[in-house]
Every structure is written in structure tokens, then in C-alpha cells.
Amino acid sequence: MDMQSQSGVELPAGVTLRTHESGSQSIQIAFSFQGRQCRETLRGRKVTKTNIKLAGDLVARIRSEIAADEFDYLKRFPKSKRARVILGRGATITISELLDDYLESVKDTVQPSTLRSWKSVIKEHLKPGLGAKKVRELTPAGVIAWLKSANMDDYSLKFVRNCVTPLRSALYDAVGKGYISVNPASVDSVNVKKFVPKTHWKSDFKADPLSRAEVASLLEACAAPATRNLFQFAIATGLRTGELIALRWSDIDFDQRKCIVQRSIVEDYEKDTKTPKGNRAVDLSDEALEALINQRTISKKRSSVFCNPKTLLPLYNSGEIHWLWHKAVRKAEIKYRSPYQTRHTYASTKITDGCNLWELADQMGHVGTEMLNRHYGSWIEANAKATREQAHKDEKLEASAKEIEESVTVA
């Protein structure tokens, strides 16, 4: 029924009055959105001159927002069935579903290593932290809260940015599909660097080796034997991450107690070692041999030495090692460093034990001792000081012994 004639109220354009079967009336507005006619009832507003005028103002505002491509249908009308019909999946899709859709859409256009890396961070970080949220409900504040959560505060700036990249890209995809109008994880909305501790801004290649006690705690915290074998061997040999991944059983000479390093795998691509000097034979200590013997019962049927502890498939990239390392470090409750510190731990331990620096350089794949002096100068100096002090003590003991011997001879 047209209530305009009964009430004498002039209805603004786009505003009508609706009479329900119960006899009650409500205000209804109409507008065109994405080529479709839409009608929405203004719930909780009685039919009064004031509310009819406000309804007219709302119609004008909605049409202005639509013209400016700023209209958020579900934000205006959260319970609207019409909005869900028009917006389709965008009305209910979750972050988890959006990320799955995005991975499917780019699987043939990005590098396999990139795709694996994204799958890993999505599974281990994005879905646990944000996956259940609806795309339309995610805000910059929500992204920031996730960045500040305990799941992310131990990682380097580079790693956190690598986690944000697929989220940001998927949300831009959502904007393009009309699910949302603004990307809540855009560079302008979220400054990733601001929410990562400054101590994690720089690359973690500065020598910060684990102490012997920390090594023991780390290995004890490894959940799976394959994980323990990997890190025990890494600490005992100083191999780079890519060299560990590329190591094959054919490279191991148990009789000569050596492993031949002749290749590296970086982001799933096999290549030569980092430098020509990187092709080398590394001596195997008792700890390294123990790790290999234990690992042989796990992966001896495959060509690669080390494997994913869950699937028992060969490791493909450093991302897998970072994840295993992160879990072990957190469980061990020791200071977080990157897994590259296994190499620094090997070097500093050898220096502390008084090794020949030229031999150590050869074992680590360096041309000379310059790199050792640059990274481990403090350990070299400490070892030299300890050697001098020990020599001084030996001289004093020798002098005392000589005095005693002479006194006994005189007597």
C-alpha cells in the first residue's frame, strides 16, 4: 500500500513505505548496485517524518558511494540476503579459503620454489593466525595484531616480509574480485618493519654461535631423530644450509671419515658450491659420524642424506630447515638465531679447541684465513690469549720444578 497518500508525507526518491501482513509499517529504500535493483528495509526505524527524511539522505549517500566505487554493501546492511546474492562468495569467504584460491590461481605462473615457500608460510603462519577470519572482516589492526603475536616475534624482518607477501597479494586479488574495496595489508596500511624487533632487522650472518650447553639443549629438544641428526651433523661439520640439503649418501666415505661437498641446493635449484674452494672434503668427527649412522637407518633407501622428518622425503629448500630449527629453538628455550649459526658454532668451537686456522679455512671452503679473522676475530684472540697464559703457566711450573730439582741435588 502506498502510504504517501495516507500520511501526507512526501517520500524522497528511492524511499517507499511497506505494510506488512501484521499491519505494521516499515521504511524501505531502493538503489541500483552492480546492474541490479536492490531493496533494503531499514530495521528498527519507525515511520516518521524524521526517519523518512533520514532514509532519503541514506539513499543519496549510498548512490554517491556507488558512483565513487566506495560502497560496502555488507557493511551497510550486514544481514542483507540480497547483498550475499550479489556479492557471491565474497560475502563469506575466509582468509584461509582466499589463500587457497590464490595459490591455485598462481601455481602455473610463479617459480616452484616460490610456490613451496608460500605454501609453507601459509600453512604454518597465516592460516593458524588469520585463516578463520572472513576476508571482509580483516582490518589493518587485525594484520598488525597477527604480526605482533607470539607466532611471529622470533623471526627476521626478511622472513616476516616473506610471510606477508602472499597475504598481501591474495588480498589485492580479493579487491580485484570485488570482495573488498581496500587491501587491509597494503604497504600503506601496514608497515611490516615497524612491528618487527629492531634486533631482527639485519641479516643473522653475524657470528653468534651456540654454547656447548645450548647445543645440548637444542639437540635434546629436536622432536624427531631425523631433525636431531640434521642439526648435530650441521654443528659438527659447518656445512652451509644448501650443502646440507644437497648432500647424498654417495658423498660419504665412512672408511676415510670424510664427506665430499660438491654441490648446493638453493630454492630447489641444484648448483655448484658457493665458491670454487667450496668443493672440498670435510673431516667427520665422532659426532658427525654418529649423526650419519643414525640417519642411515631413516633415509638409506634414498639418495639424499637428510629428509623431512614427517614425510621422509628429501629436503627441498632452506624454508624447511628454518621451520624445524625454529621449533627446536623454541622448545629448547634458548636465544633465537638463524640455522646458519650452526656453521658459526662449528668454527668457533674448532678455534676454541686450538685448531690450525689454515686447516679450518680449508674445511669451511674459504680461500684463506681472511674470512675467519673477519667473523671470528674475538675467538681467535681469546684462544691466542689462553695459549699465551697456558704457556706462561707451563714456564712457571717448569722453573719451579727446576728449582726443586737443583735444591735436592745440592742437599
Protein backbone atom coordinates (compact mmCIF):
# COMPACT_ATOMS: atom_id res chain seq x y z
CA MET A 1 0.00 0.00 0.00
CA ASP A 2 1.25 3.46 -0.86
CA MET A 3 1.41 5.25 2.48
CA GLN A 4 2.26 8.59 0.94
CA SER A 5 -1.36 9.43 0.23
CA GLN A 6 -2.47 8.36 3.71
CA SER A 7 0.25 10.10 5.71
CA GLY A 8 0.62 13.16 3.57
CA VAL A 9 4.38 12.79 3.81
CA GLU A 10 6.30 13.34 0.59
CA LEU A 11 8.66 10.41 0.05
CA PRO A 12 12.17 11.20 -1.23
CA ALA A 13 13.42 9.46 -4.37
CA GLY A 14 14.27 5.85 -3.63
CA VAL A 15 12.18 5.67 -0.46
CA THR A 16 8.96 3.68 -0.15
CA LEU A 17 6.75 2.57 2.73
CA ARG A 18 5.89 -1.06 3.16
CA THR A 19 2.94 -2.54 5.01
CA HIS A 20 3.44 -5.98 6.49
CA GLU A 21 0.80 -8.67 6.99
CA SER A 22 0.69 -7.78 10.67
CA GLY A 23 -0.35 -4.26 9.76
CA SER A 24 2.92 -2.67 10.88
CA GLN A 25 4.83 -0.40 8.55
CA SER A 26 8.50 -0.01 7.75
CA ILE A 27 10.68 2.22 5.62
CA GLN A 28 12.29 0.68 2.56
CA ILE A 29 14.95 2.14 0.32
CA ALA A 30 15.85 1.23 -3.27
CA PHE A 31 19.03 1.68 -5.29
CA SER A 32 20.86 0.07 -8.20
CA PHE A 33 24.12 -1.77 -7.48
CA GLN A 34 26.24 -3.68 -10.00
CA GLY A 35 23.40 -3.52 -12.52
CA ARG A 36 20.83 -4.97 -10.13
CA GLN A 37 17.88 -3.39 -8.36
CA CYS A 38 18.20 -3.63 -4.60
CA ARG A 39 15.67 -3.01 -1.85
CA GLU A 40 16.54 -2.90 1.84
CA THR A 41 14.25 -2.45 4.82
CA LEU A 42 15.52 -0.07 7.50
CA ARG A 43 15.06 -2.19 10.58
CA GLY A 44 14.15 -0.54 13.85
CA ARG A 45 13.10 2.77 12.33
CA LYS A 46 9.51 3.79 12.77
CA VAL A 47 7.63 5.56 10.02
CA THR A 48 8.08 9.19 10.99
CA LYS A 49 8.80 12.34 9.01
CA THR A 50 12.28 12.49 10.52
CA ASN A 51 13.12 8.87 9.68
CA ILE A 52 11.71 9.22 6.15
CA LYS A 53 13.97 12.23 5.60
CA LEU A 54 16.96 10.29 7.01
CA ALA A 55 16.13 7.42 4.65
CA GLY A 56 16.24 9.84 1.72
CA ASP A 57 19.62 11.10 2.88
CA LEU A 58 20.86 7.50 3.16
CA VAL A 59 19.77 6.72 -0.41
CA ALA A 60 21.64 9.78 -1.67
CA ARG A 61 24.74 8.77 0.32
CA ILE A 62 24.62 5.18 -0.98
CA ARG A 63 24.29 6.34 -4.58
CA SER A 64 27.24 8.67 -4.07
CA GLU A 65 29.34 5.83 -2.62
CA ILE A 66 28.39 3.56 -5.52
CA ALA A 67 29.39 6.24 -8.02
CA ALA A 68 32.76 6.64 -6.27
CA ASP A 69 33.23 2.84 -6.06
CA GLU A 70 33.29 3.09 -2.25
CA PHE A 71 30.06 1.30 -1.40
CA ASP A 72 30.42 -1.62 1.03
CA TYR A 73 27.09 -3.42 0.80
CA LEU A 74 27.55 -5.80 3.73
CA LYS A 75 28.94 -3.08 5.96
CA ARG A 76 25.82 -1.02 5.34
CA PHE A 77 23.47 -3.99 5.62
CA PRO A 78 25.20 -6.86 7.49
CA LYS A 79 22.12 -9.12 7.45
CA SER A 80 21.15 -8.48 3.85
CA LYS A 81 20.32 -11.60 1.82
CA ARG A 82 20.38 -9.51 -1.33
CA ALA A 83 23.97 -8.45 -0.62
CA ARG A 84 25.06 -12.06 -0.34
CA VAL A 85 23.39 -12.92 -3.63
CA ILE A 86 25.08 -10.03 -5.43
CA LEU A 87 28.47 -10.33 -3.79
CA GLY A 88 28.51 -14.10 -4.01
CA ARG A 89 31.44 -15.83 -2.35
CA GLY A 90 32.99 -12.53 -1.37
CA ALA A 91 30.39 -12.17 1.36
CA THR A 92 31.51 -15.20 3.34
CA ILE A 93 34.95 -16.27 2.10
CA THR A 94 37.60 -16.69 4.81
CA ILE A 95 41.27 -15.75 4.67
CA SER A 96 42.11 -19.45 4.56
CA GLU A 97 39.86 -20.01 1.53
CA LEU A 98 41.15 -16.88 -0.16
CA LEU A 99 44.75 -18.04 0.22
CA ASP A 100 43.88 -21.45 -1.23
CA ASP A 101 42.20 -19.78 -4.20
CA TYR A 102 45.19 -17.51 -4.70
CA LEU A 103 47.71 -20.37 -4.66
CA GLU A 104 45.61 -22.22 -7.21
CA SER A 105 45.50 -19.17 -9.48
CA VAL A 106 49.27 -18.60 -9.48
CA LYS A 107 50.57 -22.17 -9.42
CA ASP A 108 51.50 -22.07 -13.12
CA THR A 109 52.98 -18.58 -13.14
CA VAL A 110 55.43 -18.49 -10.21
CA GLN A 111 58.62 -20.43 -9.64
CA PRO A 112 58.12 -23.83 -7.97
CA SER A 113 60.43 -22.78 -5.13
CA THR A 114 58.34 -19.64 -4.54
CA LEU A 115 55.14 -21.65 -4.55
CA ARG A 116 56.55 -24.11 -1.99
CA SER A 117 57.75 -21.25 0.19
CA TRP A 118 54.33 -19.61 0.11
CA LYS A 119 52.58 -22.89 0.87
CA SER A 120 54.84 -23.33 3.86
CA VAL A 121 54.28 -19.89 5.41
CA ILE A 122 50.55 -20.08 4.67
CA LYS A 123 50.26 -23.43 6.41
CA GLU A 124 52.49 -22.64 9.38
CA HIS A 125 51.78 -18.95 9.99
CA LEU A 126 48.98 -17.32 8.01
CA LYS A 127 46.25 -19.92 8.44
CA PRO A 128 46.82 -20.50 12.18
CA GLY A 129 46.85 -16.76 12.85
CA LEU A 130 44.30 -15.36 10.38
CA GLY A 131 42.69 -18.23 8.48
CA ALA A 132 39.34 -18.32 10.29
CA LYS A 133 38.62 -14.61 9.75
CA LYS A 134 36.32 -13.56 6.93
CA VAL A 135 38.10 -11.54 4.28
CA ARG A 136 35.61 -8.71 4.72
CA GLU A 137 36.30 -8.59 8.45
CA LEU A 138 40.08 -8.31 8.22
CA THR A 139 41.42 -4.85 9.07
CA PRO A 140 44.91 -3.34 9.22
CA ALA A 141 44.63 -3.63 13.02
CA GLY A 142 43.99 -7.36 12.63
CA VAL A 143 47.05 -7.80 10.43
CA ILE A 144 49.16 -5.82 12.91
CA ALA A 145 47.88 -7.92 15.84
CA TRP A 146 48.98 -11.03 13.97
CA LEU A 147 52.41 -9.52 13.29
CA LYS A 148 52.82 -8.75 16.98
CA SER A 149 51.69 -12.19 18.10
CA ALA A 150 53.98 -14.77 19.67
CA ASN A 151 54.00 -16.76 16.44
CA MET A 152 55.93 -14.08 14.59
CA ASP A 153 58.13 -12.27 17.11
CA ASP A 154 61.16 -14.55 16.80
CA TYR A 155 61.71 -14.18 13.07
CA SER A 156 63.93 -11.93 10.99
CA LEU A 157 62.48 -8.97 9.10
CA LYS A 158 63.14 -10.73 5.80
CA PHE A 159 61.23 -13.84 6.88
CA VAL A 160 58.24 -11.83 8.17
CA ARG A 161 58.09 -9.92 4.90
CA ASN A 162 58.12 -13.25 3.07
CA CYS A 163 55.12 -14.30 5.15
CA VAL A 164 53.21 -11.09 4.43
CA THR A 165 53.82 -11.22 0.67
CA PRO A 166 51.30 -13.99 -0.22
CA LEU A 167 48.72 -12.48 2.16
CA ARG A 168 49.09 -9.04 0.61
CA SER A 169 48.92 -10.44 -2.93
CA ALA A 170 45.86 -12.57 -2.16
CA LEU A 171 44.07 -9.57 -0.68
CA TYR A 172 44.83 -7.48 -3.78
CA ASP A 173 43.25 -10.35 -5.69
CA ALA A 174 40.21 -10.03 -3.42
CA VAL A 175 39.99 -6.32 -4.22
CA GLY A 176 40.06 -7.13 -7.94
CA LYS A 177 37.22 -9.62 -7.50
CA GLY A 178 35.12 -7.10 -5.59
CA TYR A 179 35.20 -8.99 -2.29
CA ILE A 180 36.64 -5.93 -0.54
CA SER A 181 37.28 -2.37 -1.61
CA VAL A 182 40.61 -1.77 0.16
CA ASN A 183 43.54 -4.09 0.90
CA PRO A 184 43.98 -4.18 4.72
CA ALA A 185 47.55 -5.46 4.35
CA SER A 186 48.74 -2.93 1.77
CA VAL A 187 52.10 -1.24 2.16
CA ASP A 188 50.32 1.99 3.11
CA SER A 189 48.16 0.22 5.72
CA VAL A 190 50.78 -1.98 7.39
CA ASN A 191 54.45 -1.10 7.83
CA VAL A 192 55.92 -4.54 8.48
CA LYS A 193 59.29 -3.25 9.64
CA LYS A 194 57.67 -1.23 12.41
CA PHE A 195 56.33 -4.36 14.07
CA VAL A 196 59.48 -6.49 13.92
CA PRO A 197 62.02 -6.05 16.76
CA LYS A 198 65.00 -3.97 15.65
CA THR A 199 67.30 -6.79 16.68
CA HIS A 200 65.76 -8.83 13.85
CA TRP A 201 66.08 -6.21 11.11
CA LYS A 202 69.52 -7.21 9.93
CA SER A 203 70.55 -10.49 8.42
CA ASP A 204 71.62 -13.03 11.02
CA PHE A 205 75.00 -13.83 9.45
CA LYS A 206 76.97 -12.16 12.24
CA ALA A 207 78.70 -14.82 14.27
CA ASP A 208 76.62 -15.62 17.35
CA PRO A 209 77.43 -19.28 17.98
CA LEU A 210 75.66 -21.57 20.39
CA SER A 211 77.43 -22.54 23.58
CA ARG A 212 78.05 -26.21 24.30
CA ALA A 213 75.15 -26.15 26.77
CA GLU A 214 72.87 -24.58 24.16
CA VAL A 215 73.87 -27.21 21.61
CA ALA A 216 72.97 -29.95 24.09
CA SER A 217 69.61 -28.31 24.83
CA LEU A 218 68.86 -27.83 21.12
CA LEU A 219 69.57 -31.44 20.19
CA GLU A 220 67.57 -32.68 23.16
CA ALA A 221 64.62 -30.54 22.02
CA CYS A 222 64.53 -31.98 18.49
CA ALA A 223 61.20 -33.74 18.18
CA ALA A 224 62.28 -36.30 15.59
CA PRO A 225 65.52 -38.29 15.18
CA ALA A 226 65.88 -37.00 11.59
CA THR A 227 65.83 -33.43 12.89
CA ARG A 228 68.42 -34.15 15.58
CA ASN A 229 70.68 -35.90 13.06
CA LEU A 230 70.48 -32.92 10.69
CA PHE A 231 71.45 -30.31 13.28
CA GLN A 232 74.04 -32.50 15.02
CA PHE A 233 75.76 -33.04 11.67
CA ALA A 234 75.49 -29.35 10.73
CA ILE A 235 77.13 -28.26 14.00
CA ALA A 236 79.82 -30.95 13.69
CA THR A 237 80.81 -30.10 10.09
CA GLY A 238 79.98 -26.43 9.45
CA LEU A 239 78.28 -27.16 6.11
CA ARG A 240 76.14 -24.39 4.64
CA THR A 241 72.37 -24.91 4.51
CA GLY A 242 72.32 -25.54 0.75
CA GLU A 243 75.19 -28.00 1.08
CA LEU A 244 73.34 -29.96 3.76
CA ILE A 245 70.25 -30.21 1.56
CA ALA A 246 72.31 -31.38 -1.44
CA LEU A 247 74.38 -33.97 0.44
CA ARG A 248 74.00 -37.51 -0.90
CA TRP A 249 74.99 -40.87 0.53
CA SER A 250 77.38 -41.29 -2.40
CA ASP A 251 79.29 -38.28 -0.99
CA ILE A 252 80.02 -40.08 2.29
CA ASP A 253 83.17 -42.12 2.81
CA PHE A 254 82.74 -43.85 6.15
CA ASP A 255 86.10 -45.64 5.94
CA GLN A 256 88.07 -42.42 5.38
CA ARG A 257 85.75 -40.47 7.72
CA LYS A 258 85.09 -37.79 5.12
CA CYS A 259 82.18 -36.26 3.21
CA ILE A 260 82.69 -34.70 -0.21
CA VAL A 261 80.97 -31.34 -0.66
CA GLN A 262 80.47 -30.72 -4.37
CA ARG A 263 77.03 -29.19 -4.84
CA SER A 264 74.42 -26.96 -3.21
CA ILE A 265 70.66 -26.62 -3.48
CA VAL A 266 69.22 -23.11 -3.20
CA GLU A 267 65.47 -22.56 -3.64
CA ASP A 268 65.13 -26.02 -5.20
CA TYR A 269 67.82 -25.38 -7.82
CA GLU A 270 70.92 -27.54 -7.70
CA LYS A 271 74.11 -25.66 -8.48
CA ASP A 272 77.81 -25.62 -7.71
CA THR A 273 79.04 -24.72 -4.27
CA LYS A 274 79.17 -21.05 -3.27
CA THR A 275 82.82 -20.71 -4.38
CA PRO A 276 85.25 -22.98 -6.30
CA LYS A 277 87.01 -23.56 -2.99
CA GLY A 278 83.68 -24.83 -1.69
CA ASN A 279 84.35 -28.15 -3.40
CA ARG A 280 86.10 -29.87 -0.53
CA ALA A 281 86.50 -32.95 1.62
CA VAL A 282 85.29 -32.36 5.16
CA ASP A 283 86.61 -34.45 8.04
CA LEU A 284 83.95 -36.30 10.01
CA SER A 285 84.22 -36.15 13.78
CA ASP A 286 82.71 -38.76 16.08
CA GLU A 287 79.60 -36.56 16.44
CA ALA A 288 79.22 -36.21 12.67
CA LEU A 289 79.63 -39.95 12.12
CA GLU A 290 77.11 -40.71 14.86
CA ALA A 291 74.55 -38.46 13.18
CA LEU A 292 75.13 -40.15 9.81
CA ILE A 293 74.92 -43.66 11.23
CA ASN A 294 71.62 -42.80 12.95
CA GLN A 295 70.32 -41.11 9.81
CA ARG A 296 71.24 -44.07 7.62
CA THR A 297 68.51 -46.16 9.27
CA ILE A 298 65.98 -43.46 8.30
CA SER A 299 66.88 -42.45 4.73
CA LYS A 300 69.32 -45.08 3.43
CA LYS A 301 66.88 -46.08 0.65
CA ARG A 302 67.04 -42.58 -0.82
CA SER A 303 69.96 -40.82 -2.45
CA SER A 304 69.73 -37.72 -0.22
CA VAL A 305 71.10 -37.95 3.30
CA PHE A 306 68.73 -35.63 5.12
CA CYS A 307 64.96 -35.61 4.87
CA ASN A 308 61.74 -34.07 6.13
CA PRO A 309 61.01 -35.88 9.41
CA LYS A 310 57.29 -36.13 8.65
CA THR A 311 57.26 -37.22 5.02
CA LEU A 312 60.79 -38.74 4.94
CA LEU A 313 61.14 -37.09 1.52
CA PRO A 314 64.36 -35.19 0.70
CA LEU A 315 64.61 -31.60 1.91
CA TYR A 316 63.92 -29.15 -0.92
CA ASN A 317 64.85 -25.72 0.39
CA SER A 318 66.07 -23.74 3.38
CA GLY A 319 62.50 -22.93 4.42
CA GLU A 320 62.03 -26.47 5.69
CA ILE A 321 65.23 -26.27 7.74
CA HIS A 322 64.21 -22.88 9.17
CA TRP A 323 60.89 -24.30 10.34
CA LEU A 324 62.49 -27.34 12.01
CA TRP A 325 65.10 -25.10 13.60
CA HIS A 326 62.51 -22.63 14.87
CA LYS A 327 60.50 -25.33 16.63
CA ALA A 328 63.60 -26.85 18.22
CA VAL A 329 64.96 -23.49 19.42
CA ARG A 330 61.63 -22.51 20.99
CA LYS A 331 61.30 -25.87 22.73
CA ALA A 332 64.88 -25.67 23.98
CA GLU A 333 64.15 -22.16 25.33
CA ILE A 334 67.45 -20.75 24.09
CA LYS A 335 68.19 -17.47 22.35
CA TYR A 336 66.94 -17.44 18.77
CA ARG A 337 69.45 -17.27 15.92
CA SER A 338 69.13 -18.44 12.34
CA PRO A 339 70.17 -22.02 11.46
CA TYR A 340 73.22 -20.54 9.70
CA GLN A 341 74.66 -20.20 13.20
CA THR A 342 75.39 -23.94 13.13
CA ARG A 343 78.26 -23.02 10.79
CA HIS A 344 79.47 -20.30 13.15
CA THR A 345 79.17 -22.71 16.07
CA TYR A 346 81.38 -25.23 14.27
CA ALA A 347 84.03 -22.59 13.50
CA SER A 348 84.13 -21.01 16.95
CA THR A 349 84.31 -24.43 18.64
CA LYS A 350 87.23 -25.50 16.45
CA ILE A 351 89.05 -22.22 17.16
CA THR A 352 88.45 -22.53 20.89
CA ASP A 353 89.84 -26.07 20.77
CA GLY A 354 93.03 -24.68 19.21
CA CYS A 355 92.80 -25.84 15.60
CA ASN A 356 95.08 -24.68 12.80
CA LEU A 357 93.34 -21.73 11.10
CA TRP A 358 94.52 -22.66 7.60
CA GLU A 359 93.14 -26.17 8.04
CA LEU A 360 89.85 -24.74 9.36
CA ALA A 361 89.59 -22.39 6.38
CA ASP A 362 90.06 -25.36 4.06
CA GLN A 363 87.39 -27.37 5.90
CA MET A 364 84.91 -24.47 5.63
CA GLY A 365 85.58 -23.81 1.95
CA HIS A 366 87.44 -20.49 2.37
CA VAL A 367 90.40 -19.50 0.20
CA GLY A 368 92.39 -18.25 3.20
CA THR A 369 92.04 -17.12 6.79
CA GLU A 370 90.71 -13.61 5.98
CA MET A 371 87.08 -14.68 6.44
CA LEU A 372 87.93 -16.39 9.71
CA ASN A 373 89.60 -13.24 11.03
CA ARG A 374 86.63 -11.14 9.96
CA HIS A 375 83.94 -13.30 11.56
CA TYR A 376 85.76 -14.97 14.42
CA GLY A 377 88.42 -12.47 15.43
CA SER A 378 87.29 -12.41 19.05
CA TRP A 379 87.52 -16.20 19.35
CA ILE A 380 90.93 -16.23 17.67
CA GLU A 381 92.22 -13.56 20.06
CA ALA A 382 90.69 -15.32 23.07
CA ASN A 383 92.32 -18.57 22.01
CA ALA A 384 95.66 -16.85 21.48
CA LYS A 385 95.40 -15.23 24.91
CA ALA A 386 94.55 -18.56 26.52
CA THR A 387 97.50 -20.16 24.73
CA ARG A 388 99.86 -17.43 25.99
CA GLU A 389 98.54 -17.75 29.54
CA GLN A 390 98.93 -21.50 29.45
CA ALA A 391 102.46 -21.17 28.09
CA HIS A 392 103.30 -18.75 30.91
CA LYS A 393 101.92 -21.20 33.49
CA ASP A 394 103.93 -24.02 31.93
CA GLU A 395 107.10 -21.90 32.09
CA LYS A 396 106.49 -21.13 35.77
CA LEU A 397 105.85 -24.76 36.56
CA GLU A 398 108.98 -25.76 34.67
CA ALA A 399 111.03 -23.14 36.54
CA SER A 400 109.64 -24.28 39.89
CA ALA A 401 110.39 -27.90 39.07
CA LYS A 402 113.94 -26.95 38.10
CA GLU A 403 114.48 -25.06 41.36
CA ILE A 404 113.23 -28.03 43.37
CA GLU A 405 115.50 -30.37 41.42
CA GLU A 406 118.53 -28.13 42.00
CA SER A 407 117.83 -27.80 45.73
CA VAL A 408 117.55 -31.56 46.09
CA THR A 409 120.85 -32.02 44.21
CA VAL A 410 122.65 -29.53 46.46
CA ALA A 411 121.34 -31.18 49.60
